[in-house]
Amino acid sequence: MVVEDDEEIRLVLRYALEDEGYRVLEAANGEQALVLGHDEDPDVLLVDLRLPGIHGLDVVRSVRATSRVPIIIVTAQVDSHDVVTGLEAGADDYVTKPFVTKELLARIRAQIRRSNDVVTDHGLLECGEVRLRPETAEVQVGTRLVPLSPTEYKLLAELIGARERVVSRDDLLRNVWGYRNPGDGRVVDNLVYRLRAKMESDPAEPRHLLTVRGFGYRLKA
């Protein structure tokens, strides 16, 4: 689903996505997006933040409150606070205008593949008292269960697979988001922030998901 108030950009995206075999839903504002998203259950959302009426950030927050659908935000200003705020609101990735169509399509494919991987992988992953349950896309910390988005699941699976070794931001961007080249580490940092809010009893003093300054992140048993 493309949530974009600029008709020309919607048209470009629709043609590009339909050429790849996608069925495209279009919403010109936040209100339409929330209704369509509820009725049609799309596989991926592309959300422009500067929408008339309901702001794009509120669309992201509303969708994320009830759904694990992958969300890619679209912004015209990479240096503004929009990117960080959008990621904190629950988006999984972002692209900037003007975007490169091939790159955007690659990001979309990566998000869909990640969603399918969570559904089809039935192996329990463990690191100490942290357990991933792929069949329900949940993380269990001790006896507490919390749901994960596909991207949150994939990032946590990468850290568990590292067996307490440090994983760099660039490696996480490649293995989780599918970036071919080093990218914006804020994407990783904000997803870790969201994971800590779900996993840790005190996110400000994490016991499990640790930052190794200058290197990256590791999961401690």
N, C-alpha and C. Protein backbone atom coordinates (compact mmCIF):
# COMPACT_ATOMS: atom_id res chain seq x y z
N MET A 1 0.84 -1.18 0.00
CA MET A 1 0.00 0.00 0.00
C MET A 1 0.88 1.24 0.00
N VAL A 2 0.60 2.15 -0.92
CA VAL A 2 1.33 3.40 -1.05
C VAL A 2 0.48 4.51 -0.43
N VAL A 3 1.02 5.15 0.60
CA VAL A 3 0.33 6.26 1.28
C VAL A 3 1.08 7.53 0.92
N GLU A 4 0.56 8.29 -0.02
CA GLU A 4 1.27 9.43 -0.59
C GLU A 4 0.26 10.42 -1.15
N ASP A 5 0.38 11.71 -0.76
CA ASP A 5 -0.58 12.70 -1.24
C ASP A 5 -0.24 13.26 -2.61
N ASP A 6 1.00 13.07 -3.08
CA ASP A 6 1.41 13.56 -4.39
C ASP A 6 1.00 12.54 -5.46
N GLU A 7 0.07 12.94 -6.31
CA GLU A 7 -0.48 12.00 -7.30
C GLU A 7 0.58 11.49 -8.26
N GLU A 8 1.50 12.37 -8.66
CA GLU A 8 2.54 11.94 -9.60
C GLU A 8 3.45 10.88 -8.99
N ILE A 9 3.83 11.06 -7.72
CA ILE A 9 4.68 10.07 -7.06
C ILE A 9 3.93 8.76 -6.89
N ARG A 10 2.65 8.83 -6.53
CA ARG A 10 1.85 7.60 -6.42
C ARG A 10 1.82 6.86 -7.74
N LEU A 11 1.69 7.61 -8.84
CA LEU A 11 1.62 6.99 -10.17
C LEU A 11 2.93 6.28 -10.50
N VAL A 12 4.06 6.96 -10.22
CA VAL A 12 5.37 6.35 -10.48
C VAL A 12 5.53 5.07 -9.68
N LEU A 13 5.17 5.13 -8.41
CA LEU A 13 5.30 3.95 -7.56
C LEU A 13 4.38 2.83 -8.01
N ARG A 14 3.16 3.18 -8.37
CA ARG A 14 2.22 2.14 -8.80
C ARG A 14 2.71 1.40 -10.02
N TYR A 15 3.18 2.17 -11.04
CA TYR A 15 3.69 1.54 -12.26
C TYR A 15 4.89 0.65 -11.96
N ALA A 16 5.82 1.16 -11.14
CA ALA A 16 7.02 0.38 -10.82
C ALA A 16 6.67 -0.90 -10.07
N LEU A 17 5.75 -0.80 -9.13
CA LEU A 17 5.37 -1.97 -8.34
C LEU A 17 4.55 -2.97 -9.16
N GLU A 18 3.65 -2.45 -10.00
CA GLU A 18 2.86 -3.35 -10.83
C GLU A 18 3.73 -4.08 -11.84
N ASP A 19 4.79 -3.41 -12.33
CA ASP A 19 5.73 -4.08 -13.23
C ASP A 19 6.42 -5.26 -12.55
N GLU A 20 6.54 -5.19 -11.22
CA GLU A 20 7.16 -6.27 -10.46
C GLU A 20 6.15 -7.33 -10.02
N GLY A 21 4.90 -7.14 -10.39
CA GLY A 21 3.88 -8.13 -10.08
C GLY A 21 3.07 -7.88 -8.83
N TYR A 22 3.25 -6.72 -8.20
CA TYR A 22 2.49 -6.40 -6.99
C TYR A 22 1.12 -5.84 -7.33
N ARG A 23 0.14 -6.12 -6.48
CA ARG A 23 -1.13 -5.41 -6.54
C ARG A 23 -1.02 -4.23 -5.59
N VAL A 24 -1.29 -3.04 -6.10
CA VAL A 24 -0.99 -1.81 -5.36
C VAL A 24 -2.28 -1.16 -4.87
N LEU A 25 -2.31 -0.88 -3.58
CA LEU A 25 -3.36 -0.06 -2.98
C LEU A 25 -2.84 1.36 -2.83
N GLU A 26 -3.69 2.34 -3.04
CA GLU A 26 -3.27 3.74 -2.95
C GLU A 26 -4.13 4.49 -1.94
N ALA A 27 -3.46 5.31 -1.13
CA ALA A 27 -4.16 6.19 -0.20
C ALA A 27 -3.53 7.57 -0.29
N ALA A 28 -4.36 8.59 -0.45
CA ALA A 28 -3.87 9.95 -0.61
C ALA A 28 -3.74 10.69 0.71
N ASN A 29 -4.22 10.10 1.79
CA ASN A 29 -4.11 10.73 3.10
C ASN A 29 -4.14 9.67 4.18
N GLY A 30 -3.91 10.10 5.42
CA GLY A 30 -3.83 9.16 6.52
C GLY A 30 -5.13 8.46 6.83
N GLU A 31 -6.24 9.18 6.69
CA GLU A 31 -7.53 8.58 6.97
C GLU A 31 -7.80 7.39 6.04
N GLN A 32 -7.56 7.60 4.73
CA GLN A 32 -7.75 6.51 3.78
C GLN A 32 -6.82 5.35 4.08
N ALA A 33 -5.60 5.66 4.47
CA ALA A 33 -4.62 4.61 4.76
C ALA A 33 -5.08 3.71 5.89
N LEU A 34 -5.60 4.29 6.96
CA LEU A 34 -6.01 3.49 8.10
C LEU A 34 -7.20 2.61 7.76
N VAL A 35 -8.14 3.12 6.96
CA VAL A 35 -9.30 2.31 6.54
C VAL A 35 -8.86 1.18 5.62
N LEU A 36 -8.05 1.51 4.60
CA LEU A 36 -7.58 0.50 3.65
C LEU A 36 -6.72 -0.56 4.35
N GLY A 37 -5.85 -0.10 5.23
CA GLY A 37 -4.98 -1.03 5.93
C GLY A 37 -5.76 -2.03 6.75
N HIS A 38 -6.84 -1.57 7.37
CA HIS A 38 -7.68 -2.46 8.17
C HIS A 38 -8.45 -3.44 7.29
N ASP A 39 -8.96 -2.95 6.15
CA ASP A 39 -9.83 -3.78 5.30
C ASP A 39 -9.04 -4.73 4.41
N GLU A 40 -7.87 -4.30 3.93
CA GLU A 40 -7.16 -5.05 2.90
C GLU A 40 -5.96 -5.84 3.41
N ASP A 41 -5.46 -5.55 4.60
CA ASP A 41 -4.33 -6.27 5.19
C ASP A 41 -3.15 -6.36 4.22
N PRO A 42 -2.53 -5.22 3.87
CA PRO A 42 -1.43 -5.23 2.90
C PRO A 42 -0.18 -5.92 3.45
N ASP A 43 0.72 -6.31 2.54
CA ASP A 43 1.96 -6.98 2.91
C ASP A 43 3.05 -6.01 3.35
N VAL A 44 3.06 -4.80 2.77
CA VAL A 44 4.05 -3.76 3.08
C VAL A 44 3.37 -2.41 2.94
N LEU A 45 3.74 -1.46 3.81
CA LEU A 45 3.27 -0.08 3.70
C LEU A 45 4.42 0.84 3.33
N LEU A 46 4.19 1.71 2.34
CA LEU A 46 5.08 2.83 2.05
C LEU A 46 4.35 4.08 2.50
N VAL A 47 4.89 4.79 3.47
CA VAL A 47 4.16 5.91 4.08
C VAL A 47 4.97 7.19 3.97
N ASP A 48 4.42 8.17 3.26
CA ASP A 48 4.98 9.51 3.25
C ASP A 48 4.64 10.17 4.58
N LEU A 49 5.60 10.84 5.18
CA LEU A 49 5.34 11.44 6.48
C LEU A 49 4.55 12.74 6.40
N ARG A 50 4.75 13.51 5.33
CA ARG A 50 4.10 14.82 5.22
C ARG A 50 2.75 14.68 4.53
N LEU A 51 1.78 14.14 5.26
CA LEU A 51 0.44 13.92 4.71
C LEU A 51 -0.53 14.98 5.20
N PRO A 52 -1.54 15.32 4.39
CA PRO A 52 -2.60 16.19 4.88
C PRO A 52 -3.48 15.43 5.87
N GLY A 53 -4.10 16.15 6.78
CA GLY A 53 -4.96 15.48 7.75
C GLY A 53 -4.11 14.74 8.78
N ILE A 54 -4.34 13.44 8.92
CA ILE A 54 -3.56 12.64 9.86
C ILE A 54 -2.12 12.57 9.37
N HIS A 55 -1.19 12.96 10.22
CA HIS A 55 0.23 12.96 9.84
C HIS A 55 0.73 11.54 9.63
N GLY A 56 1.73 11.40 8.75
CA GLY A 56 2.28 10.08 8.48
C GLY A 56 2.79 9.38 9.72
N LEU A 57 3.37 10.13 10.66
CA LEU A 57 3.85 9.52 11.90
C LEU A 57 2.71 8.88 12.69
N ASP A 58 1.56 9.54 12.69
CA ASP A 58 0.41 8.98 13.41
C ASP A 58 -0.14 7.75 12.69
N VAL A 59 -0.01 7.73 11.38
CA VAL A 59 -0.40 6.52 10.63
C VAL A 59 0.51 5.36 11.04
N VAL A 60 1.81 5.62 11.09
CA VAL A 60 2.77 4.57 11.48
C VAL A 60 2.46 4.08 12.89
N ARG A 61 2.24 5.00 13.81
CA ARG A 61 1.97 4.60 15.20
C ARG A 61 0.68 3.79 15.30
N SER A 62 -0.36 4.23 14.60
CA SER A 62 -1.65 3.53 14.66
C SER A 62 -1.55 2.12 14.09
N VAL A 63 -0.87 1.99 12.95
CA VAL A 63 -0.72 0.67 12.34
C VAL A 63 0.12 -0.24 13.23
N ARG A 64 1.24 0.29 13.73
CA ARG A 64 2.14 -0.54 14.53
C ARG A 64 1.51 -0.99 15.84
N ALA A 65 0.55 -0.24 16.35
CA ALA A 65 -0.09 -0.61 17.61
C ALA A 65 -0.88 -1.90 17.50
N THR A 66 -1.32 -2.25 16.27
CA THR A 66 -2.17 -3.43 16.11
C THR A 66 -1.65 -4.42 15.07
N SER A 67 -0.54 -4.10 14.40
CA SER A 67 -0.10 -4.94 13.28
C SER A 67 1.42 -5.03 13.24
N ARG A 68 1.93 -6.15 12.72
CA ARG A 68 3.37 -6.35 12.53
C ARG A 68 3.77 -6.11 11.08
N VAL A 69 2.88 -5.60 10.26
CA VAL A 69 3.17 -5.40 8.84
C VAL A 69 4.43 -4.53 8.68
N PRO A 70 5.33 -4.87 7.77
CA PRO A 70 6.50 -4.03 7.53
C PRO A 70 6.10 -2.64 7.03
N ILE A 71 6.77 -1.61 7.56
CA ILE A 71 6.49 -0.23 7.19
C ILE A 71 7.78 0.45 6.74
N ILE A 72 7.75 1.03 5.56
CA ILE A 72 8.87 1.81 5.04
C ILE A 72 8.41 3.25 4.93
N ILE A 73 9.08 4.16 5.64
CA ILE A 73 8.69 5.56 5.55
C ILE A 73 9.39 6.23 4.37
N VAL A 74 8.75 7.26 3.85
CA VAL A 74 9.27 8.03 2.73
C VAL A 74 9.41 9.47 3.19
N THR A 75 10.59 10.04 3.04
CA THR A 75 10.81 11.41 3.50
C THR A 75 11.65 12.17 2.49
N ALA A 76 11.45 13.46 2.43
CA ALA A 76 12.18 14.30 1.48
C ALA A 76 13.45 14.87 2.09
N GLN A 77 13.61 14.75 3.42
CA GLN A 77 14.75 15.39 4.08
C GLN A 77 15.47 14.38 4.95
N VAL A 78 16.55 13.82 4.43
CA VAL A 78 17.27 12.79 5.17
C VAL A 78 17.93 13.34 6.43
N ASP A 79 18.26 14.64 6.46
CA ASP A 79 18.95 15.20 7.62
C ASP A 79 17.99 15.73 8.68
N SER A 80 16.70 15.69 8.42
CA SER A 80 15.75 16.20 9.40
C SER A 80 15.51 15.15 10.48
N HIS A 81 14.74 15.53 11.48
CA HIS A 81 14.42 14.59 12.54
C HIS A 81 13.35 13.60 12.11
N ASP A 82 12.81 13.77 10.89
CA ASP A 82 11.74 12.90 10.42
C ASP A 82 12.15 11.43 10.42
N VAL A 83 13.38 11.16 9.99
CA VAL A 83 13.82 9.77 9.89
C VAL A 83 13.82 9.11 11.26
N VAL A 84 14.48 9.74 12.22
CA VAL A 84 14.57 9.16 13.56
C VAL A 84 13.17 9.02 14.18
N THR A 85 12.36 10.06 14.04
CA THR A 85 11.02 10.02 14.62
C THR A 85 10.18 8.92 13.98
N GLY A 86 10.31 8.76 12.67
CA GLY A 86 9.56 7.72 11.98
C GLY A 86 9.98 6.32 12.42
N LEU A 87 11.28 6.11 12.59
CA LEU A 87 11.76 4.82 13.05
C LEU A 87 11.33 4.55 14.49
N GLU A 88 11.37 5.57 15.33
CA GLU A 88 10.93 5.42 16.72
C GLU A 88 9.44 5.12 16.78
N ALA A 89 8.68 5.63 15.82
CA ALA A 89 7.24 5.41 15.80
C ALA A 89 6.88 3.97 15.44
N GLY A 90 7.84 3.24 14.84
CA GLY A 90 7.57 1.84 14.54
C GLY A 90 7.88 1.42 13.12
N ALA A 91 8.41 2.33 12.29
CA ALA A 91 8.78 1.96 10.93
C ALA A 91 10.00 1.05 10.94
N ASP A 92 10.11 0.23 9.90
CA ASP A 92 11.22 -0.73 9.80
C ASP A 92 12.37 -0.21 8.96
N ASP A 93 12.12 0.72 8.05
CA ASP A 93 13.15 1.21 7.16
C ASP A 93 12.66 2.54 6.59
N TYR A 94 13.53 3.20 5.81
CA TYR A 94 13.12 4.45 5.17
C TYR A 94 13.83 4.62 3.84
N VAL A 95 13.22 5.42 2.99
CA VAL A 95 13.84 5.85 1.73
C VAL A 95 13.65 7.36 1.63
N THR A 96 14.52 8.01 0.88
CA THR A 96 14.43 9.45 0.73
C THR A 96 14.04 9.82 -0.70
N LYS A 97 13.33 10.93 -0.81
CA LYS A 97 12.97 11.48 -2.12
C LYS A 97 14.08 12.43 -2.57
N PRO A 98 14.45 12.40 -3.86
CA PRO A 98 13.97 11.46 -4.88
C PRO A 98 14.60 10.10 -4.67
N PHE A 99 13.81 9.04 -4.77
CA PHE A 99 14.30 7.69 -4.50
C PHE A 99 14.73 7.01 -5.80
N VAL A 100 15.61 6.02 -5.64
CA VAL A 100 16.02 5.16 -6.75
C VAL A 100 15.08 3.97 -6.75
N THR A 101 14.34 3.78 -7.84
CA THR A 101 13.30 2.76 -7.88
C THR A 101 13.85 1.37 -7.58
N LYS A 102 15.00 1.01 -8.15
CA LYS A 102 15.56 -0.32 -7.91
C LYS A 102 15.89 -0.53 -6.44
N GLU A 103 16.40 0.51 -5.79
CA GLU A 103 16.71 0.39 -4.36
C GLU A 103 15.44 0.20 -3.55
N LEU A 104 14.41 0.98 -3.87
CA LEU A 104 13.15 0.86 -3.15
C LEU A 104 12.56 -0.53 -3.32
N LEU A 105 12.59 -1.06 -4.55
CA LEU A 105 12.06 -2.40 -4.79
C LEU A 105 12.85 -3.45 -4.00
N ALA A 106 14.16 -3.26 -3.90
CA ALA A 106 14.98 -4.19 -3.13
C ALA A 106 14.60 -4.14 -1.65
N ARG A 107 14.34 -2.95 -1.13
CA ARG A 107 13.93 -2.81 0.27
C ARG A 107 12.59 -3.52 0.51
N ILE A 108 11.67 -3.36 -0.44
CA ILE A 108 10.36 -4.00 -0.31
C ILE A 108 10.49 -5.52 -0.33
N ARG A 109 11.29 -6.03 -1.27
CA ARG A 109 11.49 -7.49 -1.33
C ARG A 109 12.09 -8.02 -0.04
N ALA A 110 13.04 -7.27 0.53
CA ALA A 110 13.68 -7.70 1.77
C ALA A 110 12.66 -7.76 2.91
N GLN A 111 11.77 -6.79 2.98
CA GLN A 111 10.77 -6.78 4.04
C GLN A 111 9.80 -7.95 3.90
N ILE A 112 9.37 -8.23 2.67
CA ILE A 112 8.44 -9.35 2.45
C ILE A 112 9.13 -10.67 2.75
N ARG A 113 10.38 -10.82 2.32
CA ARG A 113 11.12 -12.05 2.58
C ARG A 113 11.28 -12.26 4.08
N ARG A 114 11.54 -11.19 4.81
CA ARG A 114 11.72 -11.29 6.25
C ARG A 114 10.41 -11.75 6.92
N SER A 115 9.30 -11.23 6.46
CA SER A 115 8.00 -11.64 7.01
C SER A 115 7.75 -13.11 6.76
N ASN A 116 8.08 -13.59 5.56
CA ASN A 116 7.88 -15.00 5.24
C ASN A 116 8.82 -15.89 6.03
N ASP A 117 10.05 -15.43 6.27
CA ASP A 117 11.02 -16.22 7.02
C ASP A 117 10.52 -16.48 8.44
N VAL A 118 9.90 -15.48 9.05
CA VAL A 118 9.39 -15.65 10.41
C VAL A 118 8.31 -16.71 10.45
N VAL A 119 7.48 -16.75 9.41
CA VAL A 119 6.38 -17.71 9.37
C VAL A 119 6.88 -19.13 9.15
N THR A 120 7.92 -19.32 8.31
CA THR A 120 8.33 -20.65 7.91
C THR A 120 9.41 -21.25 8.80
N ASP A 121 10.12 -20.45 9.60
CA ASP A 121 11.19 -20.97 10.45
C ASP A 121 10.61 -21.41 11.78
N HIS A 122 10.70 -22.72 12.08
CA HIS A 122 10.07 -23.24 13.29
C HIS A 122 11.07 -23.60 14.38
N GLY A 123 12.35 -23.27 14.22
CA GLY A 123 13.35 -23.62 15.21
C GLY A 123 13.40 -22.62 16.35
N LEU A 124 13.40 -23.11 17.59
CA LEU A 124 13.51 -22.25 18.76
C LEU A 124 14.95 -21.75 18.88
N LEU A 125 15.11 -20.43 19.05
CA LEU A 125 16.42 -19.82 19.20
C LEU A 125 16.56 -19.32 20.63
N GLU A 126 17.70 -19.61 21.26
CA GLU A 126 17.86 -19.28 22.67
C GLU A 126 19.21 -18.63 22.94
N CYS A 127 19.22 -17.71 23.91
CA CYS A 127 20.44 -17.13 24.46
C CYS A 127 20.14 -16.83 25.93
N GLY A 128 20.56 -17.72 26.82
CA GLY A 128 20.21 -17.56 28.22
C GLY A 128 18.71 -17.64 28.42
N GLU A 129 18.14 -16.64 29.07
CA GLU A 129 16.70 -16.65 29.29
C GLU A 129 15.93 -15.98 28.17
N VAL A 130 16.62 -15.56 27.11
CA VAL A 130 15.97 -14.97 25.94
C VAL A 130 15.71 -16.07 24.91
N ARG A 131 14.45 -16.24 24.53
CA ARG A 131 14.07 -17.26 23.55
C ARG A 131 13.20 -16.64 22.46
N LEU A 132 13.48 -17.03 21.22
CA LEU A 132 12.67 -16.60 20.09
C LEU A 132 11.76 -17.74 19.67
N ARG A 133 10.49 -17.44 19.50
CA ARG A 133 9.53 -18.45 19.07
C ARG A 133 9.00 -18.06 17.69
N PRO A 134 9.61 -18.63 16.63
CA PRO A 134 9.24 -18.24 15.26
C PRO A 134 7.79 -18.52 14.91
N GLU A 135 7.22 -19.59 15.48
CA GLU A 135 5.84 -19.93 15.12
C GLU A 135 4.85 -18.87 15.56
N THR A 136 5.21 -18.08 16.58
CA THR A 136 4.32 -17.01 17.04
C THR A 136 4.95 -15.64 16.90
N ALA A 137 6.20 -15.58 16.40
CA ALA A 137 6.94 -14.31 16.26
C ALA A 137 6.97 -13.56 17.59
N GLU A 138 7.30 -14.29 18.65
CA GLU A 138 7.38 -13.70 19.99
C GLU A 138 8.78 -13.91 20.56
N VAL A 139 9.18 -12.99 21.44
CA VAL A 139 10.37 -13.19 22.25
C VAL A 139 9.92 -13.48 23.67
N GLN A 140 10.54 -14.48 24.26
CA GLN A 140 10.27 -14.84 25.64
C GLN A 140 11.49 -14.49 26.47
N VAL A 141 11.30 -13.64 27.47
CA VAL A 141 12.37 -13.29 28.40
C VAL A 141 11.92 -13.80 29.77
N GLY A 142 12.55 -14.88 30.22
CA GLY A 142 12.05 -15.54 31.41
C GLY A 142 10.70 -16.16 31.11
N THR A 143 9.68 -15.73 31.81
CA THR A 143 8.32 -16.24 31.55
C THR A 143 7.47 -15.24 30.77
N ARG A 144 8.04 -14.08 30.46
CA ARG A 144 7.27 -13.02 29.80
C ARG A 144 7.38 -13.13 28.28
N LEU A 145 6.23 -13.06 27.59
CA LEU A 145 6.17 -13.13 26.14
C LEU A 145 5.76 -11.78 25.57
N VAL A 146 6.49 -11.32 24.55
CA VAL A 146 6.10 -10.09 23.86
C VAL A 146 6.19 -10.32 22.35
N PRO A 147 5.25 -9.76 21.57
CA PRO A 147 5.27 -9.95 20.12
C PRO A 147 6.35 -9.10 19.46
N LEU A 148 6.87 -9.59 18.32
CA LEU A 148 7.89 -8.88 17.55
C LEU A 148 7.40 -8.62 16.14
N SER A 149 7.87 -7.53 15.56
CA SER A 149 7.69 -7.34 14.12
C SER A 149 8.70 -8.24 13.40
N PRO A 150 8.52 -8.51 12.10
CA PRO A 150 9.48 -9.35 11.38
C PRO A 150 10.92 -8.82 11.45
N THR A 151 11.09 -7.50 11.38
CA THR A 151 12.43 -6.94 11.42
C THR A 151 13.04 -7.08 12.82
N GLU A 152 12.24 -6.86 13.84
CA GLU A 152 12.72 -7.06 15.21
C GLU A 152 13.14 -8.50 15.42
N TYR A 153 12.32 -9.41 14.91
CA TYR A 153 12.65 -10.84 15.03
C TYR A 153 13.98 -11.15 14.35
N LYS A 154 14.15 -10.67 13.12
CA LYS A 154 15.36 -10.98 12.36
C LYS A 154 16.60 -10.42 13.04
N LEU A 155 16.52 -9.18 13.56
CA LEU A 155 17.67 -8.60 14.24
C LEU A 155 18.04 -9.41 15.48
N LEU A 156 17.04 -9.79 16.25
CA LEU A 156 17.31 -10.57 17.46
C LEU A 156 17.87 -11.94 17.09
N ALA A 157 17.38 -12.53 16.01
CA ALA A 157 17.90 -13.83 15.57
C ALA A 157 19.37 -13.72 15.17
N GLU A 158 19.75 -12.61 14.52
CA GLU A 158 21.15 -12.40 14.16
C GLU A 158 22.03 -12.32 15.40
N LEU A 159 21.56 -11.62 16.42
CA LEU A 159 22.35 -11.48 17.65
C LEU A 159 22.45 -12.80 18.40
N ILE A 160 21.38 -13.57 18.42
CA ILE A 160 21.44 -14.88 19.06
C ILE A 160 22.41 -15.79 18.30
N GLY A 161 22.34 -15.75 16.98
CA GLY A 161 23.22 -16.57 16.17
C GLY A 161 24.69 -16.23 16.33
N ALA A 162 24.99 -15.00 16.76
CA ALA A 162 26.38 -14.58 16.96
C ALA A 162 26.99 -15.17 18.24
N ARG A 163 26.16 -15.80 19.08
CA ARG A 163 26.64 -16.47 20.31
C ARG A 163 27.45 -15.53 21.19
N GLU A 164 26.85 -14.40 21.50
CA GLU A 164 27.39 -13.39 22.41
C GLU A 164 28.55 -12.59 21.82
N ARG A 165 28.89 -12.83 20.56
CA ARG A 165 29.89 -11.99 19.91
C ARG A 165 29.25 -10.66 19.50
N VAL A 166 30.09 -9.64 19.33
CA VAL A 166 29.61 -8.33 18.89
C VAL A 166 29.27 -8.39 17.40
N VAL A 167 28.14 -7.80 17.03
CA VAL A 167 27.75 -7.69 15.63
C VAL A 167 27.71 -6.21 15.28
N SER A 168 28.42 -5.81 14.24
CA SER A 168 28.49 -4.39 13.87
C SER A 168 27.19 -3.91 13.25
N ARG A 169 26.98 -2.61 13.26
CA ARG A 169 25.81 -2.03 12.61
C ARG A 169 25.80 -2.35 11.12
N ASP A 170 26.96 -2.27 10.47
CA ASP A 170 27.01 -2.55 9.03
C ASP A 170 26.61 -4.00 8.74
N ASP A 171 27.06 -4.94 9.58
CA ASP A 171 26.67 -6.34 9.38
C ASP A 171 25.18 -6.52 9.58
N LEU A 172 24.61 -5.84 10.56
CA LEU A 172 23.17 -5.93 10.78
C LEU A 172 22.40 -5.31 9.62
N LEU A 173 22.89 -4.19 9.09
CA LEU A 173 22.23 -3.59 7.94
C LEU A 173 22.25 -4.53 6.73
N ARG A 174 23.35 -5.24 6.54
CA ARG A 174 23.44 -6.18 5.42
C ARG A 174 22.55 -7.40 5.65
N ASN A 175 22.63 -7.99 6.84
CA ASN A 175 21.97 -9.27 7.08
C ASN A 175 20.50 -9.14 7.43
N VAL A 176 20.11 -8.03 8.02
CA VAL A 176 18.71 -7.85 8.43
C VAL A 176 17.93 -7.04 7.41
N TRP A 177 18.51 -5.91 6.98
CA TRP A 177 17.80 -5.02 6.06
C TRP A 177 18.14 -5.29 4.59
N GLY A 178 19.19 -6.04 4.34
CA GLY A 178 19.55 -6.33 2.96
C GLY A 178 20.32 -5.24 2.26
N TYR A 179 20.92 -4.30 3.02
CA TYR A 179 21.72 -3.25 2.41
C TYR A 179 22.98 -3.87 1.80
N ARG A 180 23.29 -3.50 0.58
CA ARG A 180 24.51 -3.99 -0.07
C ARG A 180 25.74 -3.20 0.40
N ASN A 181 25.55 -1.93 0.71
CA ASN A 181 26.64 -1.06 1.14
C ASN A 181 26.34 -0.53 2.54
N PRO A 182 27.35 -0.06 3.26
CA PRO A 182 27.10 0.54 4.58
C PRO A 182 26.02 1.62 4.49
N GLY A 183 25.13 1.64 5.47
CA GLY A 183 24.02 2.58 5.43
C GLY A 183 23.91 3.39 6.71
N ASP A 184 22.72 3.86 6.97
CA ASP A 184 22.46 4.74 8.10
C ASP A 184 22.28 3.91 9.37
N GLY A 185 23.21 4.03 10.30
CA GLY A 185 23.15 3.27 11.54
C GLY A 185 21.97 3.62 12.42
N ARG A 186 21.31 4.76 12.14
CA ARG A 186 20.14 5.12 12.95
C ARG A 186 19.03 4.09 12.81
N VAL A 187 18.94 3.43 11.66
CA VAL A 187 17.94 2.39 11.47
C VAL A 187 18.14 1.29 12.50
N VAL A 188 19.39 0.86 12.67
CA VAL A 188 19.71 -0.18 13.65
C VAL A 188 19.47 0.31 15.07
N ASP A 189 19.98 1.49 15.38
CA ASP A 189 19.89 2.02 16.74
C ASP A 189 18.44 2.13 17.21
N ASN A 190 17.57 2.59 16.32
CA ASN A 190 16.18 2.77 16.72
C ASN A 190 15.45 1.45 16.87
N LEU A 191 15.82 0.45 16.07
CA LEU A 191 15.20 -0.85 16.26
C LEU A 191 15.67 -1.49 17.57
N VAL A 192 16.94 -1.31 17.91
CA VAL A 192 17.44 -1.80 19.19
C VAL A 192 16.70 -1.10 20.34
N TYR A 193 16.49 0.19 20.19
CA TYR A 193 15.74 0.96 21.20
C TYR A 193 14.35 0.36 21.41
N ARG A 194 13.66 0.02 20.30
CA ARG A 194 12.33 -0.58 20.40
C ARG A 194 12.39 -1.96 21.04
N LEU A 195 13.40 -2.74 20.67
CA LEU A 195 13.53 -4.08 21.24
C LEU A 195 13.77 -4.01 22.75
N ARG A 196 14.64 -3.08 23.16
CA ARG A 196 14.89 -2.96 24.60
C ARG A 196 13.63 -2.58 25.36
N ALA A 197 12.82 -1.72 24.77
CA ALA A 197 11.57 -1.33 25.43
C ALA A 197 10.65 -2.53 25.63
N LYS A 198 10.76 -3.51 24.74
CA LYS A 198 9.93 -4.70 24.86
C LYS A 198 10.55 -5.76 25.77
N MET A 199 11.88 -5.90 25.68
CA MET A 199 12.56 -7.03 26.33
C MET A 199 13.03 -6.75 27.75
N GLU A 200 13.57 -5.56 27.95
CA GLU A 200 14.30 -5.28 29.19
C GLU A 200 13.36 -4.75 30.27
N SER A 201 13.60 -5.17 31.49
CA SER A 201 12.82 -4.63 32.61
C SER A 201 13.15 -3.17 32.84
N ASP A 202 14.41 -2.78 32.55
CA ASP A 202 14.83 -1.38 32.61
C ASP A 202 15.61 -1.08 31.33
N PRO A 203 14.93 -0.55 30.30
CA PRO A 203 15.61 -0.31 29.02
C PRO A 203 16.82 0.61 29.13
N ALA A 204 16.82 1.50 30.13
CA ALA A 204 17.96 2.41 30.30
C ALA A 204 19.19 1.68 30.83
N GLU A 205 18.99 0.54 31.48
CA GLU A 205 20.09 -0.28 32.01
C GLU A 205 19.89 -1.71 31.52
N PRO A 206 20.10 -1.96 30.24
CA PRO A 206 19.78 -3.28 29.68
C PRO A 206 20.69 -4.38 30.23
N ARG A 207 20.10 -5.56 30.45
CA ARG A 207 20.85 -6.71 30.93
C ARG A 207 21.18 -7.68 29.80
N HIS A 208 20.40 -7.63 28.73
CA HIS A 208 20.54 -8.61 27.66
C HIS A 208 21.10 -8.00 26.37
N LEU A 209 20.44 -6.98 25.85
CA LEU A 209 20.81 -6.40 24.56
C LEU A 209 21.77 -5.23 24.83
N LEU A 210 23.05 -5.48 24.67
CA LEU A 210 24.08 -4.54 25.11
C LEU A 210 24.70 -3.79 23.94
N THR A 211 25.05 -2.53 24.18
CA THR A 211 25.81 -1.72 23.23
C THR A 211 27.30 -1.87 23.53
N VAL A 212 28.07 -2.14 22.50
CA VAL A 212 29.53 -2.14 22.62
C VAL A 212 30.02 -0.94 21.84
N ARG A 213 30.33 0.13 22.53
CA ARG A 213 30.59 1.41 21.88
C ARG A 213 31.73 1.32 20.88
N GLY A 214 31.48 1.88 19.71
CA GLY A 214 32.47 1.87 18.66
C GLY A 214 32.48 0.60 17.84
N PHE A 215 31.69 -0.41 18.25
CA PHE A 215 31.69 -1.69 17.53
C PHE A 215 30.29 -2.08 17.07
N GLY A 216 29.33 -2.16 17.99
CA GLY A 216 27.99 -2.57 17.60
C GLY A 216 27.20 -3.07 18.79
N TYR A 217 26.54 -4.21 18.62
CA TYR A 217 25.67 -4.75 19.66
C TYR A 217 25.95 -6.23 19.87
N ARG A 218 25.62 -6.70 21.09
CA ARG A 218 25.68 -8.13 21.35
C ARG A 218 24.57 -8.51 22.33
N LEU A 219 24.20 -9.77 22.28
CA LEU A 219 23.18 -10.28 23.19
C LEU A 219 23.87 -11.13 24.24
N LYS A 220 23.66 -10.79 25.49
CA LYS A 220 24.32 -11.46 26.61
C LYS A 220 23.39 -12.49 27.23
N ALA A 221 23.90 -13.67 27.47
CA ALA A 221 23.11 -14.74 28.09
C ALA A 221 22.85 -14.45 29.56
